[in-house]
Structures are given as C-alpha cells and as structure tokens.
Amino acid sequence: MTALLHATIPLPPPQTEGGLPLMDAIRTRQSCREFAERAVSQQLLSNLLWAAIGLSHPERGGLTVPNARSRREVDLFVITAEGTWRYDIDSHALKSVVTGDIRALAGKQDFVATAPLNLIYVADYARMPDLNTEQQLVYSSTDVGFSAQNVYLFCASSGLATVVRGSIDREALGQALGLTPQQRIILGQSVGYPAP
C-alpha cells in the first residue's frame, strides 16, 4: 500500500462478481478482534469499499446500500499504518487526509492500533439540512448500519475478519481527521485477515 501516499489514489475497478452465495455469507458472518499483520491488497480494498458504499448503478448514482433521499451524508475514511484517506464514491478513489499512522485514534480497544485497516463512518449533517437533529442521527446511523453489514458480508465472502465498533474517542479522532462541527463519527470497523 506504499502507493497510497499520494494525494489521490485511483483504485482498481472493483470485482463485482463471485464470492460466496448470499446465504453462506450470512451464515459465516462473525465479529473478530484478532488480525494477522498482513496488509489488504489494493484490489481487495477496492472491492471492499465498493461493497461498503460504492456506485452500483453509475447511470443514476445508485449506491450498493440504501440511502435516504440519496443525500450521501456518510463519508467513509480508511485508516492504515501508512495514512488516512477519504473514499470518493464517484471517482472510486482515495483522497489523502492524514499522512502517518493514526490507527491508535481509531478506537479504544488495543487491537485497533494494529489492525491493518480501520474504516471510520462519518455523517455530515450539512447534507441533511431539512432534518432535525434526532432525524439526522437516526437516518445517518441507519445508513452506516447498511454499509457496515455489507462490509461484514464482504469479509465473510472474502476470507477477511472484521468487527464493528462504537468505542472511539470521537473528539480526538475528529480533530485528527479535520472534521467540521457538522460532521459526526458514527462507527468504526476494523478489517484484516484473521489471526492464525
């Protein structure tokens, strides 16, 4: 993943066919908090991000997950040992946010600081001006739940391990990510190969 140190990294096209049958992925889906040190390849990362919140119907802007009124209020941040990026849905690329390793800020559990990949789901309430605060939280949390479950199913289908997490120092991580007051960290999700 050394190639990811540039400002914008185009990802390879996602491989959108194959994997386990749906019922097998649902049956084998599980949370795992122990990861091998092995990095996730760019192709696998491309497939994972597409599954999480990618464009499944580019001609009409449709995503791989439901999204109320197509607001696209959820930003997905990718944190690795080499840096942090925001996933750009339309260009299927990573936009550099932070250089260096901030994985320790991605969650309060010890394993987070060494997980090869941490996803951070951030809601931008500025994209939901027509909703009150409670509605913003409900809709954005629901939309994050769709994405996190897609990641779970993708990981089950691809031999990866994952766990979704709510235990995050949101203030410290928000500062590191340069979030605005309108942006709120909803969940984190650690991903990697399962520990032997």
N, C-alpha and C. Protein backbone atom coordinates (compact mmCIF):
# COMPACT_ATOMS: atom_id res chain seq x y z
N MET A 1 0.82 -1.20 0.00
CA MET A 1 0.00 0.00 0.00
C MET A 1 0.86 1.26 0.00
N THR A 2 2.17 1.16 -0.26
CA THR A 2 3.01 2.35 -0.29
C THR A 2 2.56 3.33 -1.35
N ALA A 3 1.96 2.82 -2.41
CA ALA A 3 1.47 3.69 -3.48
C ALA A 3 0.38 4.63 -2.99
N LEU A 4 -0.16 4.38 -1.81
CA LEU A 4 -1.27 5.20 -1.32
C LEU A 4 -0.81 6.51 -0.68
N LEU A 5 0.48 6.84 -0.77
CA LEU A 5 0.96 8.05 -0.12
C LEU A 5 0.73 9.31 -0.94
N HIS A 6 0.20 9.21 -2.13
CA HIS A 6 -0.08 10.38 -2.96
C HIS A 6 -1.39 11.03 -2.52
N ALA A 7 -1.67 12.22 -3.03
CA ALA A 7 -2.87 12.96 -2.62
C ALA A 7 -4.16 12.24 -3.03
N THR A 8 -4.22 11.75 -4.25
CA THR A 8 -5.39 11.00 -4.71
C THR A 8 -4.91 9.70 -5.32
N ILE A 9 -5.48 8.60 -4.86
CA ILE A 9 -5.11 7.28 -5.36
C ILE A 9 -6.31 6.65 -6.06
N PRO A 10 -6.26 6.54 -7.40
CA PRO A 10 -7.34 5.81 -8.07
C PRO A 10 -7.26 4.33 -7.69
N LEU A 11 -8.38 3.75 -7.38
CA LEU A 11 -8.42 2.34 -7.04
C LEU A 11 -8.68 1.52 -8.30
N PRO A 12 -8.20 0.27 -8.34
CA PRO A 12 -8.55 -0.56 -9.49
C PRO A 12 -10.06 -0.78 -9.54
N PRO A 13 -10.61 -1.03 -10.71
CA PRO A 13 -12.06 -1.27 -10.79
C PRO A 13 -12.45 -2.41 -9.85
N PRO A 14 -13.57 -2.26 -9.15
CA PRO A 14 -13.98 -3.33 -8.24
C PRO A 14 -14.39 -4.59 -9.01
N GLN A 15 -14.06 -5.73 -8.44
CA GLN A 15 -14.51 -7.01 -8.98
C GLN A 15 -15.88 -7.26 -8.35
N THR A 16 -16.92 -7.15 -9.15
CA THR A 16 -18.29 -7.18 -8.62
C THR A 16 -18.99 -8.51 -8.84
N GLU A 17 -18.24 -9.53 -9.21
CA GLU A 17 -18.84 -10.86 -9.38
C GLU A 17 -18.07 -11.86 -8.54
N GLY A 18 -18.73 -12.97 -8.22
CA GLY A 18 -18.07 -14.04 -7.47
C GLY A 18 -18.36 -13.95 -5.99
N GLY A 19 -17.55 -14.64 -5.21
CA GLY A 19 -17.75 -14.68 -3.77
C GLY A 19 -18.71 -15.79 -3.39
N LEU A 20 -18.95 -15.87 -2.09
CA LEU A 20 -19.86 -16.88 -1.57
C LEU A 20 -21.31 -16.58 -1.95
N PRO A 21 -22.14 -17.60 -2.06
CA PRO A 21 -23.58 -17.34 -2.17
C PRO A 21 -24.04 -16.56 -0.93
N LEU A 22 -25.05 -15.73 -1.09
CA LEU A 22 -25.51 -14.84 -0.02
C LEU A 22 -25.78 -15.58 1.28
N MET A 23 -26.51 -16.68 1.23
CA MET A 23 -26.87 -17.39 2.46
C MET A 23 -25.64 -17.93 3.18
N ASP A 24 -24.62 -18.34 2.43
CA ASP A 24 -23.37 -18.79 3.05
C ASP A 24 -22.65 -17.63 3.73
N ALA A 25 -22.65 -16.46 3.08
CA ALA A 25 -22.01 -15.29 3.68
C ALA A 25 -22.73 -14.88 4.97
N ILE A 26 -24.05 -14.90 4.95
CA ILE A 26 -24.82 -14.57 6.16
C ILE A 26 -24.54 -15.57 7.28
N ARG A 27 -24.50 -16.84 6.92
CA ARG A 27 -24.27 -17.89 7.92
C ARG A 27 -22.87 -17.80 8.53
N THR A 28 -21.87 -17.41 7.75
CA THR A 28 -20.49 -17.39 8.25
C THR A 28 -20.05 -16.03 8.78
N ARG A 29 -20.89 -15.01 8.62
CA ARG A 29 -20.57 -13.67 9.12
C ARG A 29 -20.33 -13.71 10.63
N GLN A 30 -19.25 -13.07 11.08
CA GLN A 30 -18.97 -13.02 12.51
C GLN A 30 -18.06 -11.84 12.83
N SER A 31 -18.00 -11.48 14.11
CA SER A 31 -17.08 -10.44 14.57
C SER A 31 -15.78 -11.08 15.02
N CYS A 32 -14.68 -10.45 14.67
CA CYS A 32 -13.36 -10.96 15.03
C CYS A 32 -12.49 -9.79 15.45
N ARG A 33 -11.78 -9.95 16.56
CA ARG A 33 -10.94 -8.87 17.09
C ARG A 33 -9.45 -9.20 17.05
N GLU A 34 -9.08 -10.24 16.33
CA GLU A 34 -7.67 -10.62 16.21
C GLU A 34 -7.32 -10.71 14.73
N PHE A 35 -6.30 -9.93 14.35
CA PHE A 35 -5.95 -9.82 12.94
C PHE A 35 -4.50 -10.19 12.70
N ALA A 36 -4.23 -10.79 11.56
CA ALA A 36 -2.86 -11.04 11.12
C ALA A 36 -2.25 -9.70 10.71
N GLU A 37 -0.94 -9.62 10.69
CA GLU A 37 -0.27 -8.37 10.31
C GLU A 37 -0.30 -8.12 8.81
N ARG A 38 -0.75 -9.06 8.05
CA ARG A 38 -0.78 -8.98 6.58
C ARG A 38 -1.68 -7.85 6.09
N ALA A 39 -1.16 -7.02 5.19
CA ALA A 39 -1.93 -5.90 4.65
C ALA A 39 -2.96 -6.39 3.64
N VAL A 40 -4.00 -5.62 3.47
CA VAL A 40 -5.05 -5.89 2.49
C VAL A 40 -4.60 -5.28 1.16
N SER A 41 -4.65 -6.05 0.09
CA SER A 41 -4.20 -5.55 -1.22
C SER A 41 -5.10 -4.42 -1.72
N GLN A 42 -4.58 -3.66 -2.69
CA GLN A 42 -5.38 -2.58 -3.26
C GLN A 42 -6.63 -3.11 -3.95
N GLN A 43 -6.52 -4.25 -4.62
CA GLN A 43 -7.70 -4.82 -5.29
C GLN A 43 -8.76 -5.22 -4.27
N LEU A 44 -8.33 -5.86 -3.19
CA LEU A 44 -9.28 -6.26 -2.17
C LEU A 44 -9.90 -5.04 -1.49
N LEU A 45 -9.09 -4.01 -1.25
CA LEU A 45 -9.60 -2.76 -0.68
C LEU A 45 -10.62 -2.12 -1.63
N SER A 46 -10.31 -2.12 -2.91
CA SER A 46 -11.24 -1.58 -3.91
C SER A 46 -12.58 -2.30 -3.85
N ASN A 47 -12.53 -3.64 -3.81
CA ASN A 47 -13.76 -4.43 -3.74
C ASN A 47 -14.53 -4.15 -2.45
N LEU A 48 -13.80 -4.05 -1.34
CA LEU A 48 -14.41 -3.82 -0.03
C LEU A 48 -15.12 -2.47 0.03
N LEU A 49 -14.45 -1.41 -0.44
CA LEU A 49 -15.05 -0.07 -0.41
C LEU A 49 -16.25 0.01 -1.34
N TRP A 50 -16.16 -0.64 -2.48
CA TRP A 50 -17.31 -0.67 -3.39
C TRP A 50 -18.50 -1.36 -2.71
N ALA A 51 -18.23 -2.48 -2.05
CA ALA A 51 -19.30 -3.19 -1.34
C ALA A 51 -19.89 -2.33 -0.23
N ALA A 52 -19.04 -1.58 0.45
CA ALA A 52 -19.48 -0.77 1.59
C ALA A 52 -20.40 0.37 1.17
N ILE A 53 -20.02 1.09 0.11
CA ILE A 53 -20.81 2.27 -0.25
C ILE A 53 -20.44 2.77 -1.65
N GLY A 54 -20.23 1.83 -2.56
CA GLY A 54 -19.82 2.19 -3.91
C GLY A 54 -21.00 2.43 -4.84
N LEU A 55 -20.67 2.79 -6.07
CA LEU A 55 -21.69 3.01 -7.10
C LEU A 55 -22.06 1.68 -7.75
N SER A 56 -23.29 1.24 -7.54
CA SER A 56 -23.75 0.01 -8.19
C SER A 56 -24.52 0.31 -9.46
N HIS A 57 -25.06 1.51 -9.55
CA HIS A 57 -25.81 1.95 -10.74
C HIS A 57 -25.30 3.35 -11.12
N PRO A 58 -24.11 3.44 -11.74
CA PRO A 58 -23.50 4.74 -12.02
C PRO A 58 -24.37 5.66 -12.87
N GLU A 59 -25.17 5.07 -13.76
CA GLU A 59 -26.00 5.90 -14.65
C GLU A 59 -27.01 6.74 -13.89
N ARG A 60 -27.40 6.31 -12.68
CA ARG A 60 -28.34 7.11 -11.89
C ARG A 60 -27.81 7.45 -10.51
N GLY A 61 -26.53 7.14 -10.27
CA GLY A 61 -25.91 7.48 -8.98
C GLY A 61 -26.31 6.55 -7.85
N GLY A 62 -26.86 5.37 -8.16
CA GLY A 62 -27.29 4.44 -7.13
C GLY A 62 -26.13 3.76 -6.43
N LEU A 63 -26.26 3.61 -5.12
CA LEU A 63 -25.21 3.02 -4.30
C LEU A 63 -25.47 1.54 -4.03
N THR A 64 -24.46 0.86 -3.49
CA THR A 64 -24.60 -0.55 -3.10
C THR A 64 -25.42 -0.69 -1.83
N VAL A 65 -25.75 0.41 -1.19
CA VAL A 65 -26.56 0.41 0.03
C VAL A 65 -27.70 1.40 -0.12
N PRO A 66 -28.83 1.17 0.59
CA PRO A 66 -29.90 2.17 0.58
C PRO A 66 -29.39 3.47 1.18
N ASN A 67 -29.93 4.58 0.70
CA ASN A 67 -29.52 5.89 1.22
C ASN A 67 -30.71 6.83 1.09
N ALA A 68 -31.27 7.25 2.22
CA ALA A 68 -32.49 8.06 2.23
C ALA A 68 -32.32 9.33 1.40
N ARG A 69 -33.19 9.47 0.42
CA ARG A 69 -33.21 10.63 -0.48
C ARG A 69 -31.90 10.87 -1.21
N SER A 70 -31.07 9.86 -1.31
CA SER A 70 -29.76 9.97 -1.99
C SER A 70 -28.95 11.15 -1.50
N ARG A 71 -29.00 11.41 -0.20
CA ARG A 71 -28.25 12.54 0.37
C ARG A 71 -26.75 12.28 0.39
N ARG A 72 -26.37 11.02 0.45
CA ARG A 72 -24.96 10.63 0.56
C ARG A 72 -24.29 11.36 1.72
N GLU A 73 -24.93 11.31 2.86
CA GLU A 73 -24.41 12.02 4.04
C GLU A 73 -23.27 11.29 4.74
N VAL A 74 -22.99 10.06 4.34
CA VAL A 74 -21.95 9.27 5.01
C VAL A 74 -20.65 9.32 4.21
N ASP A 75 -19.57 9.72 4.89
CA ASP A 75 -18.22 9.64 4.33
C ASP A 75 -17.52 8.47 4.98
N LEU A 76 -16.76 7.73 4.19
CA LEU A 76 -16.03 6.58 4.69
C LEU A 76 -14.54 6.91 4.67
N PHE A 77 -13.92 6.88 5.85
CA PHE A 77 -12.49 7.13 5.98
C PHE A 77 -11.77 5.80 6.15
N VAL A 78 -10.60 5.69 5.55
CA VAL A 78 -9.79 4.48 5.55
C VAL A 78 -8.49 4.79 6.28
N ILE A 79 -8.24 4.11 7.40
CA ILE A 79 -7.04 4.36 8.20
C ILE A 79 -6.16 3.12 8.17
N THR A 80 -4.90 3.30 7.74
CA THR A 80 -3.91 2.22 7.72
C THR A 80 -2.64 2.71 8.42
N ALA A 81 -1.63 1.87 8.47
CA ALA A 81 -0.35 2.26 9.06
C ALA A 81 0.31 3.39 8.27
N GLU A 82 0.00 3.49 6.97
CA GLU A 82 0.65 4.48 6.12
C GLU A 82 -0.04 5.82 6.05
N GLY A 83 -1.31 5.87 6.41
CA GLY A 83 -2.02 7.12 6.33
C GLY A 83 -3.53 6.93 6.40
N THR A 84 -4.22 8.05 6.18
CA THR A 84 -5.68 8.07 6.25
C THR A 84 -6.22 8.74 5.00
N TRP A 85 -7.27 8.14 4.44
CA TRP A 85 -7.89 8.65 3.23
C TRP A 85 -9.39 8.68 3.39
N ARG A 86 -10.04 9.52 2.57
CA ARG A 86 -11.50 9.52 2.45
C ARG A 86 -11.82 8.86 1.12
N TYR A 87 -12.75 7.92 1.17
CA TYR A 87 -13.17 7.24 -0.05
C TYR A 87 -14.07 8.15 -0.86
N ASP A 88 -13.70 8.42 -2.11
CA ASP A 88 -14.52 9.22 -3.01
C ASP A 88 -15.35 8.25 -3.86
N ILE A 89 -16.64 8.25 -3.61
CA ILE A 89 -17.56 7.30 -4.25
C ILE A 89 -17.56 7.47 -5.78
N ASP A 90 -17.69 8.70 -6.25
CA ASP A 90 -17.86 8.93 -7.68
C ASP A 90 -16.63 8.58 -8.51
N SER A 91 -15.45 8.86 -7.99
CA SER A 91 -14.23 8.55 -8.75
C SER A 91 -13.63 7.21 -8.35
N HIS A 92 -14.23 6.54 -7.36
CA HIS A 92 -13.71 5.28 -6.81
C HIS A 92 -12.20 5.42 -6.56
N ALA A 93 -11.91 6.41 -5.69
CA ALA A 93 -10.52 6.74 -5.38
C ALA A 93 -10.40 7.11 -3.91
N LEU A 94 -9.17 7.12 -3.44
CA LEU A 94 -8.88 7.54 -2.07
C LEU A 94 -8.28 8.94 -2.10
N LYS A 95 -8.81 9.83 -1.29
CA LYS A 95 -8.31 11.21 -1.17
C LYS A 95 -7.55 11.31 0.16
N SER A 96 -6.28 11.70 0.09
CA SER A 96 -5.44 11.76 1.28
C SER A 96 -5.97 12.78 2.29
N VAL A 97 -6.00 12.37 3.56
CA VAL A 97 -6.46 13.23 4.65
C VAL A 97 -5.33 13.46 5.65
N VAL A 98 -4.65 12.39 6.06
CA VAL A 98 -3.58 12.46 7.06
C VAL A 98 -2.47 11.51 6.63
N THR A 99 -1.22 11.96 6.70
CA THR A 99 -0.11 11.04 6.48
C THR A 99 0.35 10.52 7.83
N GLY A 100 0.88 9.33 7.84
CA GLY A 100 1.33 8.73 9.10
C GLY A 100 0.26 7.84 9.71
N ASP A 101 0.66 7.17 10.77
CA ASP A 101 -0.18 6.14 11.40
C ASP A 101 -0.99 6.72 12.56
N ILE A 102 -2.29 6.85 12.38
CA ILE A 102 -3.17 7.31 13.46
C ILE A 102 -4.15 6.21 13.89
N ARG A 103 -3.79 4.96 13.61
CA ARG A 103 -4.71 3.85 13.94
C ARG A 103 -5.07 3.83 15.43
N ALA A 104 -4.16 4.25 16.30
CA ALA A 104 -4.45 4.24 17.74
C ALA A 104 -5.62 5.16 18.09
N LEU A 105 -5.89 6.16 17.25
CA LEU A 105 -7.02 7.06 17.48
C LEU A 105 -8.34 6.50 16.94
N ALA A 106 -8.27 5.42 16.18
CA ALA A 106 -9.46 4.89 15.51
C ALA A 106 -10.36 4.08 16.42
N GLY A 107 -9.96 3.85 17.67
CA GLY A 107 -10.78 3.11 18.61
C GLY A 107 -10.07 2.93 19.93
N LYS A 108 -10.83 2.61 20.96
CA LYS A 108 -10.26 2.50 22.30
C LYS A 108 -9.73 1.11 22.64
N GLN A 109 -10.10 0.09 21.88
CA GLN A 109 -9.60 -1.26 22.15
C GLN A 109 -8.17 -1.39 21.63
N ASP A 110 -7.35 -2.21 22.31
CA ASP A 110 -5.94 -2.36 21.95
C ASP A 110 -5.73 -2.83 20.51
N PHE A 111 -6.56 -3.76 20.03
CA PHE A 111 -6.35 -4.36 18.71
C PHE A 111 -6.50 -3.35 17.58
N VAL A 112 -7.20 -2.26 17.82
CA VAL A 112 -7.46 -1.28 16.75
C VAL A 112 -6.15 -0.66 16.25
N ALA A 113 -5.21 -0.42 17.16
CA ALA A 113 -3.95 0.24 16.80
C ALA A 113 -3.07 -0.61 15.90
N THR A 114 -3.35 -1.92 15.82
CA THR A 114 -2.53 -2.79 14.98
C THR A 114 -3.33 -3.45 13.86
N ALA A 115 -4.64 -3.24 13.83
CA ALA A 115 -5.44 -3.81 12.73
C ALA A 115 -4.95 -3.20 11.42
N PRO A 116 -4.81 -4.01 10.37
CA PRO A 116 -4.29 -3.49 9.10
C PRO A 116 -5.12 -2.35 8.52
N LEU A 117 -6.43 -2.39 8.79
CA LEU A 117 -7.34 -1.43 8.16
C LEU A 117 -8.46 -1.08 9.13
N ASN A 118 -8.70 0.21 9.30
CA ASN A 118 -9.83 0.67 10.10
C ASN A 118 -10.68 1.58 9.24
N LEU A 119 -11.95 1.27 9.17
CA LEU A 119 -12.91 2.12 8.47
C LEU A 119 -13.61 2.99 9.50
N ILE A 120 -13.79 4.26 9.19
CA ILE A 120 -14.49 5.19 10.07
C ILE A 120 -15.64 5.79 9.27
N TYR A 121 -16.84 5.60 9.79
CA TYR A 121 -18.06 6.10 9.15
C TYR A 121 -18.42 7.45 9.77
N VAL A 122 -18.46 8.48 8.94
CA VAL A 122 -18.71 9.84 9.40
C VAL A 122 -19.95 10.40 8.71
N ALA A 123 -20.89 10.90 9.49
CA ALA A 123 -22.08 11.54 8.92
C ALA A 123 -21.85 13.04 8.83
N ASP A 124 -22.23 13.61 7.71
CA ASP A 124 -22.12 15.06 7.51
C ASP A 124 -23.53 15.64 7.52
N TYR A 125 -23.90 16.24 8.66
CA TYR A 125 -25.26 16.76 8.83
C TYR A 125 -25.53 17.99 7.96
N ALA A 126 -24.48 18.60 7.42
CA ALA A 126 -24.69 19.72 6.49
C ALA A 126 -25.40 19.25 5.23
N ARG A 127 -25.34 17.95 4.94
CA ARG A 127 -26.03 17.41 3.77
C ARG A 127 -27.46 17.01 4.09
N MET A 128 -27.90 17.28 5.33
CA MET A 128 -29.25 16.90 5.77
C MET A 128 -29.95 18.10 6.41
N PRO A 129 -29.92 19.28 5.77
CA PRO A 129 -30.45 20.49 6.42
C PRO A 129 -31.95 20.47 6.65
N ASP A 130 -32.67 19.60 5.93
CA ASP A 130 -34.13 19.55 6.06
C ASP A 130 -34.58 18.71 7.25
N LEU A 131 -33.64 18.09 7.97
CA LEU A 131 -33.99 17.21 9.08
C LEU A 131 -33.58 17.82 10.42
N ASN A 132 -34.33 17.48 11.48
CA ASN A 132 -33.92 17.94 12.80
C ASN A 132 -32.80 17.03 13.33
N THR A 133 -32.22 17.36 14.47
CA THR A 133 -31.07 16.64 15.00
C THR A 133 -31.35 15.15 15.21
N GLU A 134 -32.51 14.83 15.77
CA GLU A 134 -32.84 13.43 16.00
C GLU A 134 -32.96 12.67 14.68
N GLN A 135 -33.62 13.28 13.70
CA GLN A 135 -33.78 12.63 12.40
C GLN A 135 -32.41 12.44 11.73
N GLN A 136 -31.54 13.43 11.84
CA GLN A 136 -30.20 13.31 11.26
C GLN A 136 -29.47 12.11 11.84
N LEU A 137 -29.54 11.95 13.16
CA LEU A 137 -28.86 10.83 13.82
C LEU A 137 -29.47 9.49 13.41
N VAL A 138 -30.81 9.42 13.38
CA VAL A 138 -31.47 8.17 13.02
C VAL A 138 -31.14 7.77 11.58
N TYR A 139 -31.31 8.69 10.63
CA TYR A 139 -31.07 8.37 9.22
C TYR A 139 -29.60 8.03 8.97
N SER A 140 -28.69 8.83 9.50
CA SER A 140 -27.27 8.58 9.24
C SER A 140 -26.81 7.28 9.90
N SER A 141 -27.29 7.00 11.10
CA SER A 141 -26.91 5.75 11.78
C SER A 141 -27.45 4.54 11.03
N THR A 142 -28.66 4.65 10.52
CA THR A 142 -29.24 3.56 9.73
C THR A 142 -28.42 3.34 8.47
N ASP A 143 -28.06 4.42 7.78
CA ASP A 143 -27.27 4.30 6.56
C ASP A 143 -25.90 3.69 6.84
N VAL A 144 -25.28 4.07 7.95
CA VAL A 144 -24.00 3.46 8.34
C VAL A 144 -24.18 1.98 8.61
N GLY A 145 -25.28 1.60 9.25
CA GLY A 145 -25.55 0.19 9.52
C GLY A 145 -25.61 -0.64 8.25
N PHE A 146 -26.23 -0.08 7.19
CA PHE A 146 -26.27 -0.79 5.91
C PHE A 146 -24.85 -1.05 5.40
N SER A 147 -24.02 0.00 5.45
CA SER A 147 -22.65 -0.14 4.95
C SER A 147 -21.84 -1.13 5.78
N ALA A 148 -21.95 -1.02 7.10
CA ALA A 148 -21.19 -1.92 7.98
C ALA A 148 -21.59 -3.38 7.74
N GLN A 149 -22.87 -3.63 7.53
CA GLN A 149 -23.30 -5.00 7.27
C GLN A 149 -22.78 -5.49 5.92
N ASN A 150 -22.76 -4.61 4.91
CA ASN A 150 -22.18 -5.02 3.63
C ASN A 150 -20.71 -5.40 3.80
N VAL A 151 -19.98 -4.65 4.64
CA VAL A 151 -18.58 -4.98 4.91
C VAL A 151 -18.49 -6.34 5.59
N TYR A 152 -19.36 -6.59 6.57
CA TYR A 152 -19.38 -7.90 7.22
C TYR A 152 -19.57 -9.02 6.19
N LEU A 153 -20.55 -8.86 5.31
CA LEU A 153 -20.84 -9.91 4.33
C LEU A 153 -19.70 -10.05 3.32
N PHE A 154 -19.12 -8.93 2.92
CA PHE A 154 -17.97 -8.99 2.01
C PHE A 154 -16.81 -9.73 2.67
N CYS A 155 -16.54 -9.41 3.93
CA CYS A 155 -15.44 -10.07 4.64
C CYS A 155 -15.69 -11.56 4.77
N ALA A 156 -16.92 -11.95 5.09
CA ALA A 156 -17.25 -13.37 5.19
C ALA A 156 -17.03 -14.06 3.85
N SER A 157 -17.34 -13.37 2.78
CA SER A 157 -17.22 -13.94 1.44
C SER A 157 -15.77 -13.98 0.95
N SER A 158 -14.92 -13.11 1.50
CA SER A 158 -13.55 -12.96 1.00
C SER A 158 -12.47 -13.51 1.93
N GLY A 159 -12.88 -14.14 3.03
CA GLY A 159 -11.88 -14.68 3.95
C GLY A 159 -11.23 -13.65 4.85
N LEU A 160 -11.86 -12.50 5.00
CA LEU A 160 -11.34 -11.45 5.88
C LEU A 160 -12.07 -11.49 7.22
N ALA A 161 -11.46 -10.88 8.21
CA ALA A 161 -12.07 -10.75 9.54
C ALA A 161 -12.46 -9.29 9.73
N THR A 162 -13.52 -9.05 10.51
CA THR A 162 -13.94 -7.68 10.78
C THR A 162 -14.73 -7.62 12.08
N VAL A 163 -14.78 -6.42 12.65
CA VAL A 163 -15.63 -6.14 13.80
C VAL A 163 -16.02 -4.67 13.73
N VAL A 164 -17.29 -4.40 13.99
CA VAL A 164 -17.77 -3.02 14.03
C VAL A 164 -17.63 -2.52 15.46
N ARG A 165 -17.31 -1.23 15.63
CA ARG A 165 -17.00 -0.71 16.96
C ARG A 165 -17.62 0.67 17.17
N GLY A 166 -18.09 0.88 18.39
CA GLY A 166 -18.61 2.19 18.76
C GLY A 166 -17.72 2.91 19.76
N SER A 167 -16.78 2.20 20.35
CA SER A 167 -15.90 2.75 21.39
C SER A 167 -14.74 3.51 20.75
N ILE A 168 -14.95 4.82 20.57
CA ILE A 168 -14.00 5.69 19.88
C ILE A 168 -13.94 7.02 20.63
N ASP A 169 -12.76 7.59 20.77
CA ASP A 169 -12.65 8.96 21.28
C ASP A 169 -12.97 9.88 20.09
N ARG A 170 -14.24 10.20 19.95
CA ARG A 170 -14.71 10.94 18.77
C ARG A 170 -14.09 12.32 18.65
N GLU A 171 -13.84 12.96 19.78
CA GLU A 171 -13.24 14.30 19.73
C GLU A 171 -11.81 14.24 19.20
N ALA A 172 -11.00 13.33 19.73
CA ALA A 172 -9.59 13.23 19.31
C ALA A 172 -9.49 12.80 17.85
N LEU A 173 -10.27 11.79 17.46
CA LEU A 173 -10.21 11.33 16.08
C LEU A 173 -10.77 12.38 15.14
N GLY A 174 -11.84 13.05 15.54
CA GLY A 174 -12.42 14.11 14.72
C GLY A 174 -11.42 15.22 14.45
N GLN A 175 -10.63 15.59 15.46
CA GLN A 175 -9.60 16.61 15.27
C GLN A 175 -8.53 16.13 14.29
N ALA A 176 -8.11 14.87 14.46
CA ALA A 176 -7.09 14.33 13.57
C ALA A 176 -7.57 14.27 12.12
N LEU A 177 -8.86 14.01 11.93
CA LEU A 177 -9.43 13.93 10.58
C LEU A 177 -9.80 15.30 10.02
N GLY A 178 -9.75 16.33 10.86
CA GLY A 178 -10.12 17.67 10.42
C GLY A 178 -11.61 17.83 10.18
N LEU A 179 -12.42 17.15 10.98
CA LEU A 179 -13.87 17.22 10.80
C LEU A 179 -14.43 18.56 11.24
N THR A 180 -15.53 18.96 10.61
CA THR A 180 -16.21 20.20 10.97
C THR A 180 -17.22 19.89 12.08
N PRO A 181 -17.78 20.92 12.73
CA PRO A 181 -18.80 20.68 13.75
C PRO A 181 -20.04 19.97 13.20
N GLN A 182 -20.27 20.03 11.90
CA GLN A 182 -21.42 19.38 11.28
C GLN A 182 -21.18 17.90 10.99
N GLN A 183 -19.95 17.44 11.17
CA GLN A 183 -19.62 16.05 10.90
C GLN A 183 -19.54 15.27 12.21
N ARG A 184 -20.10 14.06 12.20
CA ARG A 184 -20.13 13.23 13.41
C ARG A 184 -19.66 11.82 13.09
N ILE A 185 -18.72 11.33 13.89
CA ILE A 185 -18.26 9.94 13.75
C ILE A 185 -19.35 9.04 14.32
N ILE A 186 -19.84 8.11 13.49
CA ILE A 186 -20.90 7.20 13.92
C ILE A 186 -20.29 5.89 14.43
N LEU A 187 -19.50 5.21 13.62
CA LEU A 187 -18.92 3.92 13.99
C LEU A 187 -17.55 3.76 13.36
N GLY A 188 -16.80 2.81 13.91
CA GLY A 188 -15.56 2.34 13.31
C GLY A 188 -15.72 0.87 12.99
N GLN A 189 -14.88 0.37 12.09
CA GLN A 189 -14.90 -1.04 11.74
C GLN A 189 -13.49 -1.47 11.36
N SER A 190 -12.95 -2.42 12.10
CA SER A 190 -11.60 -2.92 11.83
C SER A 190 -11.70 -4.10 10.88
N VAL A 191 -10.73 -4.18 9.96
CA VAL A 191 -10.73 -5.21 8.93
C VAL A 191 -9.32 -5.73 8.72
N GLY A 192 -9.19 -7.01 8.45
CA GLY A 192 -7.91 -7.61 8.12
C GLY A 192 -8.07 -9.10 7.94
N TYR A 193 -6.96 -9.76 7.68
CA TYR A 193 -7.00 -11.21 7.65
C TYR A 193 -7.07 -11.73 9.08
N PRO A 194 -7.79 -12.84 9.30
CA PRO A 194 -7.87 -13.36 10.67
C PRO A 194 -6.49 -13.82 11.15
N ALA A 195 -6.26 -13.65 12.44
CA ALA A 195 -5.00 -14.12 13.04
C ALA A 195 -4.94 -15.63 12.92
N PRO A 196 -3.73 -16.20 12.71
CA PRO A 196 -3.61 -17.65 12.58
C PRO A 196 -4.01 -18.35 13.88
